Amino acid sequence: QVQLVESGGGLVQAGGSLRLSCAASRSFVSINIMAWYRQAPGKQRELVARISSGGKIAYEDSVKGRFTIFRDNAKTAVFLQMDSLRPEDTAIYYCNIEGRPAGESWANHWGRGTQVTVSS
């Protein structure tokens, strides 16, 4: 079964930057959406940014102008550039790909998450 592996999380001071990466263990035959979600302690998981197969991008309101999502289709990878980080961005960030990996059925795939902690 395909696995999504996130990296790039860590501890950063407010105002700093991090770049998250997510790579799939195998190629996908078809992808609908690639996205990043986050979940802070005691809160529900929320969508941070998403990019469709057609290149349409959407962001959660609080990250607009600070975060940028982009992808590398050839490597089935998606990235999240996070600038001007705030303490309220602290959360576990999860990669999500909705698509069909080679040899598998269409499904919603999740990574295990990477911790982002922003200190004030």
Protein backbone atom coordinates (compact mmCIF):
# COMPACT_ATOMS: atom_id res chain seq x y z
CA GLN A 1 0.00 0.00 0.00
CA VAL A 2 1.28 3.44 -0.86
CA GLN A 3 2.72 5.50 1.96
CA LEU A 4 3.00 9.27 2.27
CA VAL A 5 6.02 10.50 4.18
CA GLU A 6 6.16 14.06 5.52
CA SER A 7 9.29 15.91 6.54
CA GLY A 8 10.42 19.43 7.34
CA GLY A 9 8.62 20.07 10.60
CA GLY A 10 10.37 21.41 13.66
CA LEU A 11 10.66 24.23 16.17
CA VAL A 12 10.87 27.79 14.90
CA GLN A 13 10.46 31.24 16.38
CA ALA A 14 7.53 33.42 15.46
CA GLY A 15 8.18 35.15 12.16
CA GLY A 16 10.32 32.30 10.90
CA SER A 17 9.83 29.90 8.02
CA LEU A 18 9.59 26.18 7.42
CA ARG A 19 9.07 24.10 4.31
CA LEU A 20 7.12 20.87 4.62
CA SER A 21 7.57 18.09 2.09
CA CYS A 22 5.47 15.03 1.36
CA ALA A 23 6.51 12.25 -0.94
CA ALA A 24 4.59 9.15 -1.99
CA SER A 25 6.30 5.76 -1.90
CA ARG A 26 4.88 4.92 -5.33
CA SER A 27 3.58 6.77 -8.32
CA PHE A 28 -0.10 7.57 -8.80
CA VAL A 29 -2.03 6.78 -11.96
CA SER A 30 -4.38 9.67 -11.24
CA ILE A 31 -4.58 12.41 -8.61
CA ASN A 32 -7.53 14.63 -7.84
CA ILE A 33 -6.36 16.67 -4.88
CA MET A 34 -3.10 17.14 -2.97
CA ALA A 35 -3.47 18.92 0.33
CA TRP A 36 -2.12 19.79 3.74
CA TYR A 37 -4.17 19.59 6.90
CA ARG A 38 -3.26 20.39 10.48
CA GLN A 39 -4.50 19.49 13.91
CA ALA A 40 -3.70 21.50 17.01
CA PRO A 41 -4.10 20.03 20.52
CA GLY A 42 -7.75 19.88 21.49
CA LYS A 43 -8.94 20.97 18.06
CA GLN A 44 -10.33 19.25 15.00
CA ARG A 45 -8.21 18.60 11.95
CA GLU A 46 -8.55 21.46 9.47
CA LEU A 47 -7.65 22.01 5.85
CA VAL A 48 -4.69 24.36 5.44
CA ALA A 49 -4.15 24.33 1.68
CA ARG A 50 -5.10 22.25 -1.32
CA ILE A 51 -4.16 22.06 -4.98
CA SER A 52 -6.24 20.29 -7.58
CA SER A 53 -5.09 18.32 -10.58
CA GLY A 54 -5.94 21.35 -12.67
CA GLY A 55 -3.80 23.61 -10.53
CA LYS A 56 -6.59 25.34 -8.62
CA ILE A 57 -5.36 26.37 -5.18
CA ALA A 58 -7.24 27.23 -2.02
CA TYR A 59 -6.03 28.28 1.42
CA GLU A 60 -7.52 28.50 4.87
CA ASP A 61 -8.13 32.17 5.62
CA SER A 62 -5.57 32.54 8.41
CA VAL A 63 -2.68 31.32 6.21
CA LYS A 64 -3.44 33.31 3.07
CA GLY A 65 -0.44 35.39 2.06
CA ARG A 66 1.87 33.44 4.38
CA PHE A 67 1.73 29.83 3.15
CA THR A 68 2.29 28.51 -0.37
CA ILE A 69 1.39 25.04 -1.60
CA PHE A 70 3.09 23.59 -4.65
CA ARG A 71 3.64 20.16 -6.13
CA ASP A 72 6.00 18.06 -8.20
CA ASN A 73 3.83 15.75 -10.25
CA ALA A 74 6.77 13.81 -11.62
CA LYS A 75 7.74 12.75 -8.11
CA THR A 76 4.22 12.67 -6.67
CA ALA A 77 5.27 15.16 -4.04
CA VAL A 78 3.59 18.14 -2.47
CA PHE A 79 5.15 20.94 -0.47
CA LEU A 80 4.03 23.65 1.90
CA GLN A 81 6.18 26.75 2.25
CA MET A 82 5.27 28.44 5.52
CA ASP A 83 6.47 32.00 6.12
CA SER A 84 5.73 34.53 8.84
CA LEU A 85 4.84 31.71 11.19
CA ARG A 86 2.75 32.45 14.27
CA PRO A 87 2.36 30.56 17.54
CA GLU A 88 -1.19 29.67 16.49
CA ASP A 89 0.25 27.73 13.55
CA THR A 90 1.56 25.17 16.03
CA ALA A 91 0.05 21.79 15.12
CA ILE A 92 0.71 18.43 13.57
CA TYR A 93 0.63 18.85 9.81
CA TYR A 94 -0.66 16.02 7.64
CA CYS A 95 -0.20 15.40 3.96
CA ASN A 96 -3.23 14.17 2.00
CA ILE A 97 -3.51 12.83 -1.55
CA GLU A 98 -6.81 11.82 -3.10
CA GLY A 99 -6.05 9.58 -6.02
CA ARG A 100 -5.29 6.16 -7.41
CA PRO A 101 -1.83 4.70 -6.90
CA ALA A 102 -0.53 2.28 -9.48
CA GLY A 103 -1.97 -1.15 -8.75
CA GLU A 104 -4.45 0.13 -6.16
CA SER A 105 -7.97 1.52 -6.00
CA TRP A 106 -8.97 5.16 -5.74
CA ALA A 107 -8.68 6.33 -2.12
CA ASN A 108 -7.88 9.15 0.25
CA HIS A 109 -4.31 8.76 1.50
CA TRP A 110 -2.79 10.28 4.63
CA GLY A 111 0.70 10.70 5.98
CA ARG A 112 1.53 10.18 9.63
CA GLY A 113 2.10 13.86 10.27
CA THR A 114 4.96 16.15 11.14
CA GLN A 115 5.05 18.42 14.19
CA VAL A 116 5.38 22.17 13.69
CA THR A 117 5.96 24.23 16.82
CA VAL A 118 6.17 28.03 16.70
CA SER A 119 7.49 29.76 19.79
CA SER A 120 6.55 33.33 20.70
